[in-house]
Amino acid sequence: MNVRPTEPPVVVIEAARGWWRLGLVDLWTHRELLYFLVWRDLKIRYRQTFFGVAWAVLQPVLLMAIFSVSLGRIPGIETSGVPYPLFVFAGLIPWTMFSQGLAGASNSLVGGESIITKVYFPRLLLPVSAICSFLPDLVIGLAILAILLAWFGAGISATAVWLPVFALLAIVVSAGAGTFLGAVNVRYRDVKHMVPFLVQVWFFASPIVYSSSIIPAQWRWLYDLNPMTGVVEGFRWAVLGGEPPVQVAIESVAVAVIVLVVALVYFGRAERSFADVI
């Protein structure tokens, strides 16, 4: 009796249709690939560097020193009795995570041109892996923050349990803005020139080197639309205690979620043409 060989299954890959498909299920299905992409980004970033992972410490520490010398002695900068170096560093930790993730995600698709044009995988993995690759830097920054708290004789507040929440909020803001700009960057390469300027403006529009209390009351509603305002103030409150920034935190969560959903929808729509345009 002749036995016909079993034919291999045929897998048909089709472009997603409609604006509704966000591709979040695909991220979980390809989670192992996500791990390897994150590991690849980490190795590339610190390969052939003299200081290696010490750059995760040097950048925020040097910025803290520079701002403490240049701005810390200016009268009128309100820190609620907190030493200025500690005040600044508590704001730099979430900001560094956000800005690095934004820059990495916005350039991740163009940087992954060689694999996008050769093999199928959920393209959303590239900006997500770029952001996740900076999580070790966040952990190192938190360790340095704990050392600074001990140095200045400030105890760890019970509100520190909220640190993961505001760290996650910084990641959400970074993912929303970075994913959107990454998709736009595939078609318009002006984005890579715009992002450094955007990060600089965003830095000074966030309460990192100053307290948001200096913002005039009539402009505070506009200032609070910046989701990093809630991230920085919430992170600082979680570390140092004080009055909880409930209202601005709620506003930041709402804006961050809206930005992330809009970014994912646009990304899902634009993903179909990445391999052709890039």
Protein backbone atom coordinates (compact mmCIF):
# COMPACT_ATOMS: atom_id res chain seq x y z
CA MET A 1 0.00 0.00 0.00
CA ASN A 2 1.36 3.37 -1.01
CA VAL A 3 1.38 5.96 1.79
CA ARG A 4 1.34 9.51 0.62
CA PRO A 5 3.73 11.74 2.55
CA THR A 6 2.11 14.26 4.80
CA GLU A 7 2.35 17.73 3.34
CA PRO A 8 3.71 20.41 5.67
CA PRO A 9 1.17 22.94 6.88
CA VAL A 10 0.90 26.15 4.93
CA VAL A 11 1.18 29.34 6.93
CA VAL A 12 -0.18 32.45 5.26
CA ILE A 13 1.02 35.78 6.63
CA GLU A 14 -1.30 38.64 5.87
CA ALA A 15 -1.12 42.29 6.75
CA ALA A 16 -3.32 43.42 9.57
CA ARG A 17 -6.45 45.19 8.42
CA GLY A 18 -8.19 48.04 10.12
CA TRP A 19 -7.17 50.45 12.84
CA TRP A 20 -8.33 48.26 15.69
CA ARG A 21 -5.66 45.57 15.70
CA LEU A 22 -2.99 46.61 18.20
CA GLY A 23 -0.90 43.43 18.07
CA LEU A 24 -0.53 43.04 21.85
CA VAL A 25 -1.27 39.31 21.68
CA ASP A 26 1.60 38.90 19.22
CA LEU A 27 3.97 40.41 21.78
CA TRP A 28 3.15 37.66 24.25
CA THR A 29 3.36 34.96 21.59
CA HIS A 30 6.84 36.15 20.60
CA ARG A 31 8.05 36.93 24.13
CA GLU A 32 11.15 34.77 23.66
CA LEU A 33 12.17 36.87 20.67
CA LEU A 34 11.58 39.96 22.78
CA TYR A 35 14.08 38.63 25.32
CA PHE A 36 16.75 38.10 22.66
CA LEU A 37 16.16 41.56 21.17
CA VAL A 38 16.58 43.16 24.59
CA TRP A 39 19.76 41.18 25.18
CA ARG A 40 21.05 42.20 21.75
CA ASP A 41 20.44 45.89 22.48
CA LEU A 42 22.26 45.63 25.81
CA LYS A 43 25.30 43.99 24.25
CA ILE A 44 25.47 46.51 21.40
CA ARG A 45 25.13 49.48 23.74
CA TYR A 46 27.97 48.55 26.07
CA ARG A 47 30.23 46.66 23.68
CA GLN A 48 33.72 48.16 23.32
CA THR A 49 33.05 50.82 25.95
CA PHE A 50 35.62 51.69 28.61
CA PHE A 51 33.12 52.30 31.44
CA GLY A 52 30.55 49.71 30.32
CA VAL A 53 27.37 49.68 32.43
CA ALA A 54 28.88 52.41 34.61
CA TRP A 55 27.40 54.85 32.07
CA ALA A 56 24.03 54.09 33.66
CA VAL A 57 25.42 55.70 36.83
CA LEU A 58 27.62 58.41 35.36
CA GLN A 59 24.98 60.16 33.29
CA PRO A 60 22.44 61.02 36.05
CA VAL A 61 25.16 61.57 38.67
CA LEU A 62 27.05 64.04 36.47
CA LEU A 63 23.84 65.85 35.58
CA MET A 64 22.98 66.06 39.27
CA ALA A 65 26.39 67.56 40.02
CA ILE A 66 26.15 70.08 37.18
CA PHE A 67 22.67 71.27 38.14
CA SER A 68 23.57 71.40 41.83
CA VAL A 69 26.53 73.69 41.10
CA SER A 70 24.79 75.85 38.49
CA LEU A 71 21.24 76.06 39.85
CA GLY A 72 21.31 74.75 43.39
CA ARG A 73 22.57 78.02 44.86
CA ILE A 74 20.04 80.25 43.11
CA PRO A 75 17.60 81.76 45.63
CA GLY A 76 13.93 81.02 45.12
CA ILE A 77 14.17 77.41 43.96
CA GLU A 78 11.72 75.66 46.24
CA THR A 79 12.60 72.09 47.26
CA SER A 80 10.43 71.81 50.42
CA GLY A 81 13.50 71.46 52.59
CA VAL A 82 15.00 68.62 50.56
CA PRO A 83 18.72 68.95 49.69
CA TYR A 84 18.89 70.13 46.10
CA PRO A 85 21.11 67.26 44.83
CA LEU A 86 18.64 64.73 46.21
CA PHE A 87 15.71 66.72 44.82
CA VAL A 88 17.23 66.75 41.33
CA PHE A 89 18.38 63.13 41.31
CA ALA A 90 14.92 61.90 42.34
CA GLY A 91 13.57 63.62 39.23
CA LEU A 92 16.39 62.51 36.95
CA ILE A 93 15.80 58.78 37.54
CA PRO A 94 12.36 58.56 35.84
CA TRP A 95 13.36 61.20 33.29
CA THR A 96 16.45 59.25 32.21
CA MET A 97 14.35 56.12 31.75
CA PHE A 98 11.80 58.05 29.70
CA SER A 99 14.22 59.99 27.50
CA GLN A 100 16.46 57.01 26.73
CA GLY A 101 13.47 54.82 25.93
CA LEU A 102 11.97 57.53 23.71
CA ALA A 103 15.20 57.96 21.75
CA GLY A 104 15.73 54.21 21.41
CA ALA A 105 12.17 53.42 20.37
CA SER A 106 11.97 56.25 17.83
CA ASN A 107 15.02 54.88 16.01
CA SER A 108 14.36 51.17 16.53
CA LEU A 109 12.51 50.48 13.28
CA VAL A 110 14.98 52.27 11.04
CA GLY A 111 17.82 50.61 12.93
CA GLY A 112 16.17 47.22 12.39
CA GLU A 113 15.84 47.63 8.63
CA SER A 114 17.95 44.54 7.90
CA ILE A 115 15.59 42.18 9.72
CA ILE A 116 12.33 43.95 8.86
CA THR A 117 12.94 43.42 5.15
CA LYS A 118 14.00 39.77 5.51
CA VAL A 119 11.78 37.98 8.01
CA TYR A 120 8.34 38.31 9.51
CA PHE A 121 7.85 39.11 13.18
CA PRO A 122 5.65 41.58 15.07
CA ARG A 123 7.30 44.92 14.33
CA LEU A 124 6.09 46.26 17.67
CA LEU A 125 8.79 44.12 19.29
CA LEU A 126 11.49 46.55 18.14
CA PRO A 127 10.34 49.69 20.00
CA VAL A 128 9.27 47.61 23.01
CA SER A 129 12.65 45.87 23.22
CA ALA A 130 14.45 49.21 22.85
CA ILE A 131 12.56 50.56 25.88
CA CYS A 132 12.94 47.38 27.95
CA SER A 133 16.70 47.39 27.39
CA PHE A 134 16.94 50.45 29.64
CA LEU A 135 15.25 48.78 32.61
CA PRO A 136 18.62 47.66 34.07
CA ASP A 137 19.71 51.30 34.00
CA LEU A 138 16.58 52.19 35.98
CA VAL A 139 17.40 49.58 38.63
CA ILE A 140 20.98 50.86 38.91
CA GLY A 141 19.70 54.43 39.22
CA LEU A 142 17.39 53.40 42.07
CA ALA A 143 20.33 51.80 43.86
CA ILE A 144 22.31 55.06 43.59
CA LEU A 145 19.26 56.95 44.85
CA ALA A 146 19.15 54.72 47.93
CA ILE A 147 22.82 55.53 48.58
CA LEU A 148 22.10 59.27 48.27
CA LEU A 149 19.21 58.97 50.71
CA ALA A 150 21.56 57.40 53.24
CA TRP A 151 24.26 60.02 52.51
CA PHE A 152 21.91 62.93 53.21
CA GLY A 153 20.39 61.18 56.22
CA ALA A 154 16.94 60.87 54.65
CA GLY A 155 15.09 57.71 55.49
CA ILE A 156 13.15 55.68 52.95
CA SER A 157 9.52 56.78 53.14
CA ALA A 158 6.67 54.29 53.37
CA THR A 159 5.38 55.82 50.14
CA ALA A 160 8.27 54.09 48.33
CA VAL A 161 5.85 51.23 47.60
CA TRP A 162 4.46 53.51 44.86
CA LEU A 163 7.79 53.68 43.04
CA PRO A 164 6.99 50.80 40.64
CA VAL A 165 3.71 52.51 39.71
CA PHE A 166 5.35 55.77 38.66
CA ALA A 167 8.24 53.92 37.01
CA LEU A 168 5.65 52.01 34.98
CA LEU A 169 3.94 55.29 34.11
CA ALA A 170 7.26 56.64 32.78
CA ILE A 171 7.60 53.51 30.65
CA VAL A 172 4.05 53.94 29.31
CA VAL A 173 4.73 57.57 28.33
CA SER A 174 8.00 56.53 26.69
CA ALA A 175 6.31 53.65 24.86
CA GLY A 176 3.50 55.85 23.56
CA ALA A 177 5.68 58.68 22.28
CA GLY A 178 8.51 56.39 21.11
CA THR A 179 6.27 53.96 19.25
CA PHE A 180 4.47 56.76 17.44
CA LEU A 181 7.68 58.56 16.48
CA GLY A 182 9.28 55.25 15.46
CA ALA A 183 6.46 54.57 13.01
CA VAL A 184 6.63 58.12 11.64
CA ASN A 185 10.42 57.83 11.33
CA VAL A 186 10.05 55.00 8.82
CA ARG A 187 8.50 57.40 6.32
CA TYR A 188 9.95 60.74 7.41
CA ARG A 189 13.58 60.61 8.52
CA ASP A 190 13.31 64.12 9.95
CA VAL A 191 12.27 62.45 13.19
CA LYS A 192 15.83 61.45 14.12
CA HIS A 193 16.82 65.13 13.93
CA MET A 194 13.74 66.28 15.81
CA VAL A 195 13.90 63.87 18.77
CA PRO A 196 17.02 65.36 20.48
CA PHE A 197 15.45 68.83 20.32
CA LEU A 198 12.11 67.45 21.55
CA VAL A 199 13.80 65.77 24.51
CA GLN A 200 15.58 69.00 25.48
CA VAL A 201 12.37 71.03 25.38
CA TRP A 202 10.47 68.31 27.23
CA PHE A 203 13.17 68.27 29.92
CA PHE A 204 12.75 71.93 30.79
CA ALA A 205 8.96 71.62 30.52
CA SER A 206 9.06 69.03 33.32
CA PRO A 207 9.68 69.74 37.05
CA ILE A 208 13.11 68.10 37.26
CA VAL A 209 15.50 70.93 38.16
CA TYR A 210 12.76 73.09 39.68
CA SER A 211 9.53 72.64 41.57
CA SER A 212 6.22 72.89 39.74
CA SER A 213 5.07 75.32 42.44
CA ILE A 214 6.76 78.14 40.50
CA ILE A 215 4.29 77.72 37.61
CA PRO A 216 1.62 80.48 37.68
CA ALA A 217 -1.82 79.21 38.67
CA GLN A 218 -3.45 80.29 35.39
CA TRP A 219 -1.01 78.11 33.40
CA ARG A 220 -0.95 75.12 35.73
CA TRP A 221 -3.70 73.24 33.87
CA LEU A 222 -1.66 73.42 30.66
CA TYR A 223 1.53 72.45 32.46
CA ASP A 224 -0.16 69.39 34.00
CA LEU A 225 -1.07 68.07 30.54
CA ASN A 226 2.57 67.08 30.28
CA PRO A 227 2.43 63.46 31.49
CA MET A 228 6.01 63.65 32.76
CA THR A 229 4.87 66.24 35.30
CA GLY A 230 2.88 63.59 37.12
CA VAL A 231 5.65 61.02 36.66
CA VAL A 232 8.39 63.22 38.16
CA GLU A 233 6.26 64.65 40.96
CA GLY A 234 4.86 61.22 41.81
CA PHE A 235 8.29 59.59 41.76
CA ARG A 236 9.71 62.34 43.95
CA TRP A 237 6.80 62.01 46.38
CA ALA A 238 7.25 58.24 46.54
CA VAL A 239 10.92 58.70 47.45
CA LEU A 240 10.83 61.76 49.67
CA GLY A 241 7.27 61.82 51.00
CA GLY A 242 5.20 64.98 51.39
CA GLU A 243 1.88 65.93 49.84
CA PRO A 244 0.70 63.28 47.36
CA PRO A 245 0.20 64.72 43.84
CA VAL A 246 -3.13 62.98 43.33
CA GLN A 247 -4.71 65.27 40.75
CA VAL A 248 -1.67 65.66 38.50
CA ALA A 249 -1.00 61.91 38.71
CA ILE A 250 -4.52 61.12 37.52
CA GLU A 251 -4.18 63.60 34.66
CA SER A 252 -0.81 62.11 33.68
CA VAL A 253 -2.23 58.59 33.64
CA ALA A 254 -5.12 59.71 31.43
CA VAL A 255 -2.84 61.53 28.96
CA ALA A 256 -0.32 58.66 28.92
CA VAL A 257 -3.00 56.07 28.16
CA ILE A 258 -4.48 58.21 25.38
CA VAL A 259 -1.06 58.74 23.80
CA LEU A 260 -0.25 55.02 24.02
CA VAL A 261 -3.54 53.93 22.44
CA VAL A 262 -3.22 56.48 19.62
CA ALA A 263 0.38 55.37 19.03
CA LEU A 264 -0.55 51.67 18.90
CA VAL A 265 -3.44 52.30 16.52
CA TYR A 266 -1.26 54.37 14.20
CA PHE A 267 1.53 51.81 14.43
CA GLY A 268 -0.85 48.98 13.51
CA ARG A 269 -2.03 50.93 10.50
CA ALA A 270 1.45 51.90 9.30
CA GLU A 271 3.03 48.50 9.97
CA ARG A 272 1.71 47.04 6.73
CA SER A 273 4.02 49.25 4.65
CA PHE A 274 7.17 49.18 6.80
CA ALA A 275 9.04 46.62 4.68
CA ASP A 276 8.24 48.53 1.47
CA VAL A 277 9.00 52.04 2.71
CA ILE A 278 11.96 51.50 4.98
